[in-house]
Amino acid sequence: MTTRVHAPHDWLLTAPWWHWPRQGVPPAQTGPALQKYAMPGLVDEFLAHPQRRLVFDETADRGPLPSAGPARFVPVAGTQLRKLYLATHHRHYLVAVELHCDRPGLPSPRRDEVCEAGFVVRRRRASVPATATGEARKMLRDLALARARLDAVDKRLAQTLRAGSTGLSRCDGLLEQQATAARKVDTLRAALHQWAEAVGVDRALDGWRPLSVGADGQLVPLPERPGADLRPLPGLGRWEQVSELPEDVTEATFPLYPLVPDPADTEHDAAGRTLYFGIVPTSTLDLELLPAAGAAPSGEPSADRAPRFDDASVYEIRCYVRRHNPACPRKPGERDCHGPLTWSEPSEPFRLAGPLDPRGTAHRPVTIRMPNKADLQTAAKLGAGIGGIRVGTPPDMRFDKVTGGGYQICSFSIPLITIIATFVLRLFLPIVVLALGLWFLLALKICIPPSIAVDAGLEAELAVKPPDFEADAAFEANFGAKVNAAFDAFAGAIATSTTDAGLKPKDMDDFGDRLKNQPTADRFRIARSVARGAHAFSAPDDDLRYEPRVERKEVFTA
């Protein structure tokens, strides 16, 4: 149990204590922790069970750096970047921090000593001179490959150590490979920094500043307390360069809320701690006025506008708290003093998924059932165009000859539109794939026949396993042959559907073999999807697993 102190000490903002083991640095150096949820009621879940959150899957929740824009030259650790999905993708995120006094044992200050808590979302960018772009891409590619080799060696070493005595003979060689790969990464990183200094790479950290119009019609950043001569422009702002740890907050902020547990619940994860949390914004209605913007005579900006958040930038979060100045009276609902600020370390960098991200949209699949002829015939007897869309066509836009002036009103049944749209899609899909050589797009289209032969025993075994079940050698021994048979049936159905459509890439013949050669854990997940049918493919659940709970005794020592 932590001790509460009353004497003034410097403060620290760290990750919540249950995140300390994962961040791999001393607790005082940890940064804000992101927690993932698949429910809109994530706040209630966090208040009741702060540790209960979904895992960040290494496949589903990571992606490469943006390939375009000022973020493509931002240096990050590793070859992949954390990816956050949008609320429309049925994924939601919290940021959580813990407040401490900066003294041995990291005791918790009282919550009433804080007069303000919030966080900012910032954007990292790096501008490279046009003449050096090619060289920059090459150096970043070499560094990314070196990091990938180091990651691969680290994974093999971890697997060997888990193997126990059977793998000890390989450790010496892997440790030497790890040291060599690490030296290569360090050498390339140092060369990149030297090169960046030599060519004048401009690295910047941007914060969001809301805009207003002054009395002279010029655009100016909106201060916290604007005067009468400033007219705010709601929803309009601009990314502007900010310092890492400013003495005052001049950029747009988001609130942090205290996590206050039930005093009677001594086992609550927040008992005896001072914790704060906030909702991570993955979308907003705010628009950015591009730097070349001017002001129209009316005072309204006439520049091009872009969304505040996009999928081509690299973002990070910094949290802060303001200490209450005892000499200032409390003023609920606003900043009541100008006490000192305490900033956290930055969170891990992340990018946002695009609105049409294939995996993100698969989290909330939309099923459209084609109407059958009998239903359409019955509906047609009820009246022409019943239950449809009405289109009003002016005289100069008509496609057929109709006498008289005014608008022509046509009603189209939605089932009729669905049939035509599906026909057009199937008609043009092979043409686009063939003309542009986009065979990989077939992975985004899977047509499964009404039934695939799956052994009843295998299907029953798969149905009772939870989403986070990890198949092992025993599972392979009992069901490996039946899984292979299911894969063969599935691959045959897919091959038949693509051949019937006139689409069959060169590597389709060995599709079944590639499924059967996957690792055991992946074979289980694929087999479960095959057994469940098409809906399993449209709604991936490999990231719907909870993080294991961390007990206090694992973090704190007596």
Protein backbone atom coordinates (compact mmCIF):
# COMPACT_ATOMS: atom_id res chain seq x y z
CA MET A 1 0.00 0.00 0.00
CA THR A 2 1.38 3.38 -0.94
CA THR A 3 1.83 6.17 1.61
CA ARG A 4 0.15 9.52 1.07
CA VAL A 5 2.36 12.53 1.63
CA HIS A 6 1.55 16.14 2.40
CA ALA A 7 4.92 17.87 2.04
CA PRO A 8 5.46 19.43 -1.39
CA HIS A 9 7.55 17.33 -3.76
CA ASP A 10 8.01 17.30 -7.49
CA TRP A 11 5.50 15.12 -9.28
CA LEU A 12 5.77 12.36 -11.86
CA LEU A 13 3.17 11.14 -14.36
CA THR A 14 3.71 7.52 -15.32
CA ALA A 15 1.79 4.62 -16.75
CA PRO A 16 -0.61 2.88 -14.32
CA TRP A 17 1.24 0.36 -12.19
CA TRP A 18 -0.13 -2.68 -14.05
CA HIS A 19 1.53 -1.45 -17.25
CA TRP A 20 5.00 -1.11 -15.72
CA PRO A 21 6.18 -4.69 -16.46
CA ARG A 22 5.26 -4.35 -20.15
CA GLN A 23 6.98 -1.06 -20.96
CA GLY A 24 10.46 -2.42 -20.20
CA VAL A 25 11.81 0.73 -18.47
CA PRO A 26 11.94 1.85 -14.83
CA PRO A 27 8.48 2.88 -13.54
CA ALA A 28 9.46 6.56 -13.35
CA GLN A 29 10.25 6.53 -17.09
CA THR A 30 7.03 4.90 -18.30
CA GLY A 31 4.64 6.87 -20.49
CA PRO A 32 0.86 7.10 -20.86
CA ALA A 33 -0.71 3.70 -21.52
CA LEU A 34 -3.26 3.04 -24.25
CA GLN A 35 -6.02 0.51 -23.53
CA LYS A 36 -8.22 -1.01 -26.22
CA TYR A 37 -11.91 -1.93 -26.05
CA ALA A 38 -14.57 -3.29 -28.39
CA MET A 39 -17.49 -1.59 -26.66
CA PRO A 40 -18.79 1.99 -26.56
CA GLY A 41 -19.26 1.66 -22.77
CA LEU A 42 -15.53 1.49 -22.16
CA VAL A 43 -15.64 4.09 -19.36
CA ASP A 44 -17.95 1.97 -17.19
CA GLU A 45 -15.75 -1.04 -17.87
CA PHE A 46 -12.62 0.87 -16.89
CA LEU A 47 -14.14 2.28 -13.70
CA ALA A 48 -15.17 -1.17 -12.52
CA HIS A 49 -12.17 -3.15 -13.78
CA PRO A 50 -9.27 -0.86 -14.82
CA GLN A 51 -7.08 -3.72 -16.00
CA ARG A 52 -9.70 -5.43 -18.16
CA ARG A 53 -8.87 -4.52 -21.75
CA LEU A 54 -8.22 -6.18 -25.08
CA VAL A 55 -4.76 -7.17 -26.23
CA PHE A 56 -2.95 -5.17 -28.87
CA ASP A 57 -2.48 -7.91 -31.45
CA GLU A 58 0.90 -7.81 -33.21
CA THR A 59 -0.79 -8.39 -36.57
CA ALA A 60 -4.12 -6.61 -36.34
CA ASP A 61 -2.97 -3.56 -34.36
CA ARG A 62 0.29 -2.75 -36.08
CA GLY A 63 1.10 -1.37 -39.52
CA PRO A 64 3.89 0.28 -41.53
CA LEU A 65 4.72 3.94 -41.46
CA PRO A 66 2.65 6.11 -43.82
CA SER A 67 4.08 5.89 -47.34
CA ALA A 68 3.31 9.53 -48.15
CA GLY A 69 3.22 12.87 -46.39
CA PRO A 70 5.56 14.45 -43.83
CA ALA A 71 5.31 11.43 -41.51
CA ARG A 72 7.06 8.99 -43.85
CA PHE A 73 10.49 10.14 -42.63
CA VAL A 74 9.65 10.12 -38.90
CA PRO A 75 12.07 7.76 -37.10
CA VAL A 76 10.34 5.12 -34.98
CA ALA A 77 11.54 2.05 -33.14
CA GLY A 78 11.05 -1.21 -35.03
CA THR A 79 9.52 -1.72 -38.44
CA GLN A 80 5.85 -1.42 -37.48
CA LEU A 81 3.75 1.28 -35.86
CA ARG A 82 0.82 1.02 -33.47
CA LYS A 83 -2.46 1.38 -35.38
CA LEU A 84 -5.65 2.66 -33.78
CA TYR A 85 -8.97 1.90 -35.43
CA LEU A 86 -11.87 4.33 -35.61
CA ALA A 87 -15.08 4.25 -33.59
CA THR A 88 -16.88 3.22 -36.79
CA HIS A 89 -14.65 0.12 -36.75
CA HIS A 90 -16.06 -0.84 -33.32
CA ARG A 91 -12.78 -0.16 -31.52
CA HIS A 92 -12.36 2.42 -28.75
CA TYR A 93 -9.35 3.51 -26.70
CA LEU A 94 -8.50 5.04 -23.34
CA VAL A 95 -5.29 6.69 -22.18
CA ALA A 96 -4.41 6.19 -18.53
CA VAL A 97 -1.72 7.67 -16.27
CA GLU A 98 -0.77 7.54 -12.61
CA LEU A 99 0.43 10.49 -10.53
CA HIS A 100 3.28 10.15 -8.02
CA CYS A 101 5.55 12.22 -5.85
CA ASP A 102 9.08 12.13 -7.22
CA ARG A 103 10.70 10.43 -4.28
CA PRO A 104 11.72 6.85 -3.38
CA GLY A 105 8.76 4.49 -3.46
CA LEU A 106 6.75 6.81 -5.73
CA PRO A 107 4.08 7.70 -3.15
CA SER A 108 0.75 9.09 -4.33
CA PRO A 109 -0.20 12.74 -3.76
CA ARG A 110 -3.72 13.67 -2.75
CA ARG A 111 -6.18 14.10 -5.58
CA ASP A 112 -7.35 17.47 -4.25
CA GLU A 113 -3.88 18.91 -4.86
CA VAL A 114 -4.57 18.76 -8.61
CA CYS A 115 -6.49 21.68 -10.11
CA GLU A 116 -6.31 20.60 -13.78
CA ALA A 117 -5.60 17.37 -15.68
CA GLY A 118 -5.64 16.76 -19.41
CA PHE A 119 -3.74 15.53 -22.43
CA VAL A 120 -2.74 16.75 -25.86
CA VAL A 121 -2.51 14.87 -29.15
CA ARG A 122 0.51 15.93 -31.16
CA ARG A 123 1.81 15.17 -34.62
CA ARG A 124 5.38 14.23 -35.52
CA ARG A 125 6.75 15.17 -38.91
CA ALA A 126 10.07 15.37 -40.71
CA SER A 127 10.67 17.43 -43.84
CA VAL A 128 13.48 16.32 -46.14
CA PRO A 129 14.88 18.55 -48.92
CA ALA A 130 13.56 17.44 -52.31
CA THR A 131 17.08 16.71 -53.56
CA ALA A 132 17.67 14.25 -50.70
CA THR A 133 14.38 12.33 -50.80
CA GLY A 134 15.80 9.31 -52.65
CA GLU A 135 18.74 8.96 -50.30
CA ALA A 136 16.42 9.31 -47.29
CA ARG A 137 14.20 6.47 -48.51
CA LYS A 138 17.24 4.22 -49.00
CA MET A 139 18.67 4.91 -45.54
CA LEU A 140 15.28 4.40 -43.86
CA ARG A 141 14.75 1.18 -45.81
CA ASP A 142 18.17 -0.14 -44.75
CA LEU A 143 17.44 0.75 -41.13
CA ALA A 144 14.02 -0.90 -41.27
CA LEU A 145 15.55 -4.10 -42.68
CA ALA A 146 18.20 -4.12 -39.96
CA ARG A 147 15.52 -3.69 -37.29
CA ALA A 148 13.49 -6.50 -38.87
CA ARG A 149 16.53 -8.82 -38.70
CA LEU A 150 17.06 -7.88 -35.06
CA ASP A 151 13.38 -8.54 -34.29
CA ALA A 152 13.60 -11.94 -35.99
CA VAL A 153 16.69 -12.91 -33.97
CA ASP A 154 15.02 -11.74 -30.76
CA LYS A 155 11.99 -13.92 -31.48
CA ARG A 156 14.13 -16.98 -32.26
CA LEU A 157 16.13 -16.42 -29.08
CA ALA A 158 12.95 -16.13 -27.00
CA GLN A 159 11.60 -19.36 -28.53
CA THR A 160 14.88 -21.13 -27.79
CA LEU A 161 14.89 -19.99 -24.18
CA ARG A 162 11.31 -21.20 -23.76
CA ALA A 163 12.35 -24.57 -25.17
CA GLY A 164 14.54 -25.17 -22.09
CA SER A 165 17.39 -27.64 -22.19
CA THR A 166 16.66 -28.75 -25.77
CA GLY A 167 17.50 -25.29 -27.06
CA LEU A 168 20.42 -24.25 -24.88
CA SER A 169 22.97 -25.39 -27.44
CA ARG A 170 21.65 -22.78 -29.87
CA CYS A 171 21.75 -19.86 -27.43
CA ASP A 172 25.41 -18.97 -27.94
CA GLY A 173 24.99 -18.65 -31.70
CA LEU A 174 21.77 -16.67 -31.39
CA LEU A 175 23.27 -14.33 -28.79
CA GLU A 176 26.13 -13.61 -31.18
CA GLN A 177 23.66 -12.98 -34.02
CA GLN A 178 21.67 -10.69 -31.73
CA ALA A 179 24.75 -8.64 -30.83
CA THR A 180 25.75 -8.35 -34.49
CA ALA A 181 22.24 -7.29 -35.53
CA ALA A 182 22.07 -4.74 -32.68
CA ARG A 183 25.42 -3.23 -33.70
CA LYS A 184 24.16 -2.96 -37.29
CA VAL A 185 21.03 -1.11 -36.13
CA ASP A 186 23.08 1.27 -33.97
CA THR A 187 25.51 1.98 -36.84
CA LEU A 188 22.74 2.72 -39.34
CA ARG A 189 20.83 4.86 -36.82
CA ALA A 190 23.94 6.93 -36.08
CA ALA A 191 24.63 7.33 -39.81
CA LEU A 192 21.03 8.46 -40.37
CA HIS A 193 21.29 11.11 -37.64
CA GLN A 194 24.56 12.42 -39.04
CA TRP A 195 23.12 12.54 -42.54
CA ALA A 196 19.97 14.33 -41.30
CA GLU A 197 22.10 17.01 -39.64
CA ALA A 198 24.20 17.43 -42.78
CA VAL A 199 21.34 17.85 -45.27
CA GLY A 200 19.12 19.92 -42.98
CA VAL A 201 16.21 17.60 -42.20
CA ASP A 202 13.54 19.61 -40.39
CA ARG A 203 12.05 17.57 -37.55
CA ALA A 204 9.08 19.16 -35.88
CA LEU A 205 6.46 18.47 -33.25
CA ASP A 206 3.07 20.02 -33.99
CA GLY A 207 0.19 20.80 -31.66
CA TRP A 208 -3.36 21.75 -32.61
CA ARG A 209 -4.22 25.43 -32.21
CA PRO A 210 -7.85 26.61 -32.63
CA LEU A 211 -8.19 29.74 -34.76
CA SER A 212 -10.02 33.03 -34.46
CA VAL A 213 -10.43 36.21 -36.52
CA GLY A 214 -9.07 39.45 -35.11
CA ALA A 215 -10.46 42.94 -35.53
CA ASP A 216 -8.19 43.45 -38.55
CA GLY A 217 -9.56 40.33 -40.27
CA GLN A 218 -6.37 38.30 -39.75
CA LEU A 219 -6.36 34.71 -38.55
CA VAL A 220 -4.75 34.29 -35.12
CA PRO A 221 -4.55 31.40 -32.66
CA LEU A 222 -7.42 31.41 -30.18
CA PRO A 223 -6.14 32.00 -26.61
CA GLU A 224 -7.62 30.25 -23.61
CA ARG A 225 -9.57 33.37 -22.61
CA PRO A 226 -10.22 35.34 -25.82
CA GLY A 227 -10.91 39.05 -25.65
CA ALA A 228 -13.89 40.83 -27.11
CA ASP A 229 -11.93 41.75 -30.24
CA LEU A 230 -11.48 38.09 -31.25
CA ARG A 231 -14.15 36.05 -33.02
CA PRO A 232 -13.65 32.28 -32.59
CA LEU A 233 -13.91 30.01 -35.63
CA PRO A 234 -15.55 26.87 -34.21
CA GLY A 235 -14.13 23.68 -35.63
CA LEU A 236 -11.24 25.36 -37.45
CA GLY A 237 -7.61 25.19 -36.43
CA ARG A 238 -4.09 24.62 -37.58
CA TRP A 239 -1.16 22.38 -36.70
CA GLU A 240 1.64 24.61 -35.38
CA GLN A 241 5.05 23.78 -33.99
CA VAL A 242 5.18 23.43 -30.20
CA SER A 243 7.88 22.62 -27.66
CA GLU A 244 8.10 19.24 -25.97
CA LEU A 245 7.49 20.50 -22.41
CA PRO A 246 5.98 23.99 -22.47
CA GLU A 247 5.53 25.91 -19.25
CA ASP A 248 1.94 26.69 -20.19
CA VAL A 249 -0.65 24.87 -22.30
CA THR A 250 -1.53 26.87 -25.41
CA GLU A 251 -2.70 24.03 -27.65
CA ALA A 252 -6.06 22.27 -27.73
CA THR A 253 -6.48 19.78 -24.89
CA PHE A 254 -8.69 16.86 -23.96
CA PRO A 255 -9.80 16.22 -20.36
CA LEU A 256 -8.43 13.61 -18.00
CA TYR A 257 -10.82 12.30 -15.36
CA PRO A 258 -9.87 10.92 -11.94
CA LEU A 259 -10.43 7.25 -11.30
CA VAL A 260 -12.05 7.20 -7.85
CA PRO A 261 -12.63 3.68 -6.51
CA ASP A 262 -15.18 2.65 -3.91
CA PRO A 263 -13.45 3.24 -0.55
CA ALA A 264 -14.86 -0.06 0.70
CA ASP A 265 -13.23 -2.00 -2.17
CA THR A 266 -9.66 -2.36 -0.96
CA GLU A 267 -8.87 -4.80 -3.79
CA HIS A 268 -9.72 -2.30 -6.55
CA ASP A 269 -6.80 -1.60 -8.88
CA ALA A 270 -7.00 2.12 -8.07
CA ALA A 271 -7.19 1.68 -4.29
CA GLY A 272 -4.51 3.84 -2.68
CA ARG A 273 -3.42 5.23 -6.07
CA THR A 274 -3.97 8.54 -7.90
CA LEU A 275 -4.99 7.62 -11.43
CA TYR A 276 -6.47 9.55 -14.35
CA PHE A 277 -7.94 8.47 -17.68
CA GLY A 278 -9.28 10.04 -20.86
CA ILE A 279 -10.97 9.04 -24.12
CA VAL A 280 -8.53 8.92 -27.05
CA PRO A 281 -10.00 10.84 -30.02
CA THR A 282 -9.65 8.91 -33.27
CA SER A 283 -11.89 11.25 -35.25
CA THR A 284 -13.20 14.78 -34.95
CA LEU A 285 -15.20 17.31 -36.92
CA ASP A 286 -12.36 19.85 -36.68
CA LEU A 287 -10.81 21.02 -39.95
CA GLU A 288 -7.30 22.29 -40.60
CA LEU A 289 -6.77 25.49 -42.56
CA LEU A 290 -3.75 24.93 -44.74
CA PRO A 291 -0.83 27.36 -44.20
CA ALA A 292 -1.37 29.17 -47.50
CA ALA A 293 -4.79 30.31 -46.32
CA GLY A 294 -5.83 33.94 -46.31
CA ALA A 295 -8.92 35.69 -45.06
CA ALA A 296 -11.84 36.66 -47.24
CA PRO A 297 -13.15 40.25 -47.09
CA SER A 298 -15.98 39.03 -44.87
CA GLY A 299 -13.47 37.81 -42.34
CA GLU A 300 -14.18 34.15 -43.11
CA PRO A 301 -11.18 32.10 -44.27
CA SER A 302 -11.28 31.04 -47.90
CA ALA A 303 -8.50 28.46 -47.82
CA ASP A 304 -8.53 24.77 -48.54
CA ARG A 305 -9.37 22.63 -45.55
CA ALA A 306 -8.28 19.19 -44.43
CA PRO A 307 -9.37 16.91 -41.56
CA ARG A 308 -7.57 17.44 -38.28
CA PHE A 309 -6.79 13.72 -37.99
CA ASP A 310 -5.91 11.50 -40.94
CA ASP A 311 -4.32 8.14 -41.70
CA ALA A 312 -1.11 9.66 -43.15
CA SER A 313 0.34 11.14 -39.94
CA VAL A 314 2.14 9.86 -36.86
CA TYR A 315 0.66 10.98 -33.54
CA GLU A 316 1.56 10.75 -29.87
CA ILE A 317 -0.11 11.70 -26.59
CA ARG A 318 1.33 13.65 -23.67
CA CYS A 319 -0.61 13.99 -20.42
CA TYR A 320 -0.25 16.77 -17.89
CA VAL A 321 -1.51 17.84 -14.47
CA ARG A 322 -1.41 21.30 -12.93
CA ARG A 323 -0.69 21.54 -9.24
CA HIS A 324 -3.04 23.75 -7.27
CA ASN A 325 -1.54 26.87 -5.81
CA PRO A 326 -2.82 27.07 -2.21
CA ALA A 327 -2.75 30.87 -2.40
CA CYS A 328 -5.46 30.85 -5.09
CA PRO A 329 -9.12 30.28 -4.17
CA ARG A 330 -10.86 27.33 -5.78
CA LYS A 331 -13.00 28.14 -8.84
CA PRO A 332 -14.90 25.00 -9.89
CA GLY A 333 -15.24 24.52 -13.62
CA GLU A 334 -12.16 26.46 -14.72
CA ARG A 335 -8.43 26.68 -14.16
CA ASP A 336 -8.25 28.19 -10.71
CA CYS A 337 -4.56 29.06 -10.56
CA HIS A 338 -1.30 29.14 -12.47
CA GLY A 339 0.40 26.39 -10.53
CA PRO A 340 3.29 24.39 -11.99
CA LEU A 341 2.70 21.85 -14.76
CA THR A 342 3.88 18.25 -14.68
CA TRP A 343 4.17 16.55 -18.08
CA SER A 344 4.31 12.83 -18.76
CA GLU A 345 6.61 11.10 -21.18
CA PRO A 346 5.09 10.76 -24.67
CA SER A 347 2.99 7.72 -25.40
CA GLU A 348 4.09 5.24 -27.99
CA PRO A 349 3.67 6.73 -31.49
CA PHE A 350 0.60 5.63 -33.40
CA ARG A 351 -1.25 6.16 -36.65
CA LEU A 352 -4.95 5.97 -37.38
CA ALA A 353 -6.61 3.45 -39.63
CA GLY A 354 -8.31 4.85 -42.71
CA PRO A 355 -12.11 4.95 -42.78
CA LEU A 356 -12.11 2.15 -45.40
CA ASP A 357 -9.41 0.05 -43.71
CA PRO A 358 -10.17 -3.57 -44.76
CA ARG A 359 -9.69 -5.02 -41.31
CA GLY A 360 -11.37 -2.13 -39.53
CA THR A 361 -14.52 -2.34 -41.64
CA ALA A 362 -14.54 -6.12 -41.11
CA HIS A 363 -15.02 -5.51 -37.37
CA ARG A 364 -18.55 -4.32 -38.14
CA PRO A 365 -19.64 -6.31 -41.21
CA VAL A 366 -22.74 -5.37 -43.17
CA THR A 367 -24.73 -8.31 -44.55
CA ILE A 368 -26.95 -7.71 -47.57
CA ARG A 369 -29.28 -10.54 -48.45
CA MET A 370 -30.26 -10.68 -52.08
CA PRO A 371 -34.03 -10.97 -52.60
CA ASN A 372 -35.45 -14.08 -54.23
CA LYS A 373 -37.80 -14.06 -57.20
CA ALA A 374 -40.84 -15.20 -55.25
CA ASP A 375 -40.55 -12.25 -52.84
CA LEU A 376 -40.11 -9.82 -55.72
CA GLN A 377 -43.16 -11.19 -57.55
CA THR A 378 -45.25 -10.83 -54.42
CA ALA A 379 -44.02 -7.26 -53.87
CA ALA A 380 -44.66 -6.34 -57.51
CA LYS A 381 -48.36 -7.20 -57.08
CA LEU A 382 -48.63 -4.56 -54.36
CA GLY A 383 -47.76 -1.66 -56.67
CA ALA A 384 -45.03 -0.33 -58.92
CA GLY A 385 -41.93 1.01 -57.19
CA ILE A 386 -43.16 0.16 -53.70
CA GLY A 387 -40.63 0.67 -50.88
CA GLY A 388 -37.98 2.36 -52.98
CA ILE A 389 -36.09 5.54 -53.74
CA ARG A 390 -37.73 8.44 -55.53
CA VAL A 391 -35.64 10.36 -58.04
CA GLY A 392 -36.76 13.73 -59.33
CA THR A 393 -35.32 14.51 -62.78
CA PRO A 394 -35.41 18.04 -64.28
CA PRO A 395 -36.31 18.43 -67.98
CA ASP A 396 -32.69 18.97 -69.10
CA MET A 397 -31.43 15.79 -67.37
CA ARG A 398 -33.99 13.22 -68.53
CA PHE A 399 -32.80 9.99 -70.11
CA ASP A 400 -36.11 9.22 -71.81
CA LYS A 401 -38.53 11.31 -73.80
CA VAL A 402 -41.42 12.55 -71.71
CA THR A 403 -43.78 15.32 -72.72
CA GLY A 404 -44.52 18.21 -70.43
CA GLY A 405 -42.37 20.42 -68.25
CA GLY A 406 -41.38 20.14 -64.62
CA TYR A 407 -39.66 17.30 -62.79
CA GLN A 408 -40.22 13.67 -63.70
CA ILE A 409 -40.58 11.48 -60.58
CA CYS A 410 -39.32 7.89 -60.82
CA SER A 411 -39.53 5.38 -57.97
CA PHE A 412 -37.04 2.49 -57.84
CA SER A 413 -37.39 -0.42 -55.46
CA ILE A 414 -34.27 -0.94 -53.29
CA PRO A 415 -34.17 -4.70 -54.10
CA LEU A 416 -34.09 -3.75 -57.80
CA ILE A 417 -31.16 -1.36 -57.18
CA THR A 418 -29.36 -4.07 -55.17
CA ILE A 419 -29.69 -6.60 -57.99
CA ILE A 420 -28.37 -4.18 -60.60
CA ALA A 421 -25.50 -2.99 -58.39
CA THR A 422 -24.43 -6.59 -57.68
CA PHE A 423 -24.57 -7.44 -61.37
CA VAL A 424 -22.42 -4.41 -62.28
CA LEU A 425 -19.90 -5.33 -59.55
CA ARG A 426 -19.54 -8.89 -60.80
CA LEU A 427 -19.36 -7.67 -64.38
CA PHE A 428 -16.52 -5.20 -63.80
CA LEU A 429 -14.54 -7.07 -61.13
CA PRO A 430 -12.77 -9.47 -63.53
CA ILE A 431 -12.16 -6.62 -66.01
CA VAL A 432 -10.45 -4.42 -63.39
CA VAL A 433 -8.44 -7.30 -61.92
CA LEU A 434 -7.30 -8.51 -65.34
CA ALA A 435 -6.57 -5.07 -66.81
CA LEU A 436 -4.55 -3.84 -63.80
CA GLY A 437 -3.10 -7.16 -62.64
CA LEU A 438 -4.67 -6.79 -59.21
CA TRP A 439 -4.78 -10.47 -58.38
CA PHE A 440 -4.11 -9.77 -54.69
CA LEU A 441 -7.55 -8.16 -54.49
CA LEU A 442 -9.06 -11.64 -54.66
CA ALA A 443 -8.00 -12.04 -51.03
CA LEU A 444 -10.61 -9.38 -50.22
CA LYS A 445 -13.39 -11.37 -51.92
CA ILE A 446 -14.28 -14.82 -50.63
CA CYS A 447 -17.41 -16.62 -51.81
CA ILE A 448 -18.20 -19.68 -49.71
CA PRO A 449 -20.68 -22.29 -50.96
CA PRO A 450 -23.77 -23.03 -48.82
CA SER A 451 -21.98 -25.92 -47.14
CA ILE A 452 -18.43 -27.19 -46.77
CA ALA A 453 -17.83 -30.69 -45.49
CA VAL A 454 -16.31 -30.37 -42.00
CA ASP A 455 -16.01 -33.35 -39.68
CA ALA A 456 -18.69 -33.19 -36.98
CA GLY A 457 -16.22 -33.99 -34.21
CA LEU A 458 -13.84 -31.23 -35.35
CA GLU A 459 -16.71 -28.74 -35.67
CA ALA A 460 -17.90 -29.52 -32.14
CA GLU A 461 -14.37 -29.20 -30.75
CA LEU A 462 -13.85 -25.85 -32.45
CA ALA A 463 -17.20 -24.50 -31.27
CA VAL A 464 -16.42 -24.93 -27.56
CA LYS A 465 -12.99 -23.28 -27.67
CA PRO A 466 -12.74 -19.60 -26.63
CA PRO A 467 -11.34 -17.02 -29.10
CA ASP A 468 -8.00 -16.89 -27.25
CA PHE A 469 -7.45 -20.66 -27.31
CA GLU A 470 -3.96 -21.54 -28.48
CA ALA A 471 -3.82 -24.91 -30.24
CA ASP A 472 -0.96 -27.22 -29.25
CA ALA A 473 0.57 -30.55 -30.21
CA ALA A 474 -2.26 -32.46 -28.53
CA PHE A 475 -4.81 -30.66 -30.67
CA GLU A 476 -2.78 -31.49 -33.81
CA ALA A 477 -2.54 -35.16 -32.81
CA ASN A 478 -6.30 -35.50 -32.36
CA PHE A 479 -7.61 -33.28 -35.14
CA GLY A 480 -4.70 -32.50 -37.51
CA ALA A 481 -5.90 -34.85 -40.26
CA LYS A 482 -9.49 -33.55 -40.02
CA VAL A 483 -8.25 -29.95 -40.21
CA ASN A 484 -6.33 -30.79 -43.41
CA ALA A 485 -9.46 -32.35 -44.92
CA ALA A 486 -11.46 -29.21 -44.09
CA PHE A 487 -8.75 -27.06 -45.68
CA ASP A 488 -8.81 -29.17 -48.84
CA ALA A 489 -12.59 -28.79 -49.11
CA PHE A 490 -12.38 -25.06 -48.52
CA ALA A 491 -9.55 -24.54 -51.02
CA GLY A 492 -11.46 -26.55 -53.62
CA ALA A 493 -14.57 -24.41 -53.13
CA ILE A 494 -12.57 -21.19 -53.43
CA ALA A 495 -10.76 -22.43 -56.55
CA THR A 496 -14.08 -23.43 -58.16
CA SER A 497 -15.67 -20.04 -57.43
CA THR A 498 -12.72 -18.13 -58.90
CA THR A 499 -12.54 -20.37 -61.96
CA ASP A 500 -16.26 -19.99 -62.63
CA ALA A 501 -15.83 -16.22 -62.49
CA GLY A 502 -12.93 -16.34 -64.93
CA LEU A 503 -10.44 -15.32 -62.23
CA LYS A 504 -7.71 -17.72 -61.22
CA PRO A 505 -4.29 -16.36 -60.18
CA LYS A 506 -1.24 -18.49 -60.81
CA ASP A 507 -0.71 -19.42 -57.15
CA MET A 508 -4.30 -20.60 -56.52
CA ASP A 509 -3.36 -24.23 -57.15
CA ASP A 510 -1.34 -24.50 -53.92
CA PHE A 511 -3.81 -22.51 -51.80
CA GLY A 512 -4.82 -25.58 -49.79
CA ASP A 513 -1.20 -26.59 -49.18
CA ARG A 514 -0.35 -23.10 -47.93
CA LEU A 515 -3.25 -23.29 -45.48
CA LYS A 516 -2.09 -26.66 -44.19
CA ASN A 517 1.49 -25.44 -43.70
CA GLN A 518 0.55 -22.61 -41.35
CA PRO A 519 1.68 -22.71 -37.67
CA THR A 520 -0.53 -24.71 -35.33
CA ALA A 521 -2.17 -21.69 -33.70
CA ASP A 522 -3.01 -20.17 -37.09
CA ARG A 523 -4.32 -23.50 -38.38
CA PHE A 524 -6.81 -23.56 -35.51
CA ARG A 525 -8.07 -20.04 -36.24
CA ILE A 526 -8.45 -20.71 -39.96
CA ALA A 527 -10.19 -24.02 -39.30
CA ARG A 528 -12.66 -22.36 -36.95
CA SER A 529 -13.45 -19.76 -39.64
CA VAL A 530 -13.96 -22.48 -42.27
CA ALA A 531 -16.29 -24.38 -39.96
CA ARG A 532 -18.35 -21.29 -39.10
CA GLY A 533 -18.70 -20.08 -42.67
CA ALA A 534 -18.62 -16.74 -44.40
CA HIS A 535 -19.53 -14.59 -41.39
CA ALA A 536 -16.35 -15.69 -39.62
CA PHE A 537 -14.24 -14.32 -42.49
CA SER A 538 -16.00 -10.96 -42.46
CA ALA A 539 -15.57 -10.43 -38.70
CA PRO A 540 -12.04 -11.35 -37.51
CA ASP A 541 -11.83 -12.02 -33.80
CA ASP A 542 -8.13 -12.79 -33.31
CA ASP A 543 -7.72 -9.54 -31.33
CA LEU A 544 -10.75 -10.14 -29.10
CA ARG A 545 -8.60 -11.46 -26.29
CA TYR A 546 -8.11 -9.90 -22.88
CA GLU A 547 -4.77 -8.96 -21.45
CA PRO A 548 -3.76 -11.15 -18.48
CA ARG A 549 -4.29 -9.55 -15.10
CA VAL A 550 -1.26 -8.22 -13.20
CA GLU A 551 -1.32 -8.65 -9.44
CA ARG A 552 0.18 -6.06 -7.09
CA LYS A 553 2.59 -8.59 -5.64
CA GLU A 554 4.12 -9.00 -9.11
CA VAL A 555 4.99 -5.27 -9.22
CA PHE A 556 5.50 -4.14 -5.63
CA THR A 557 7.86 -5.70 -3.13
CA ALA A 558 7.50 -5.45 0.61
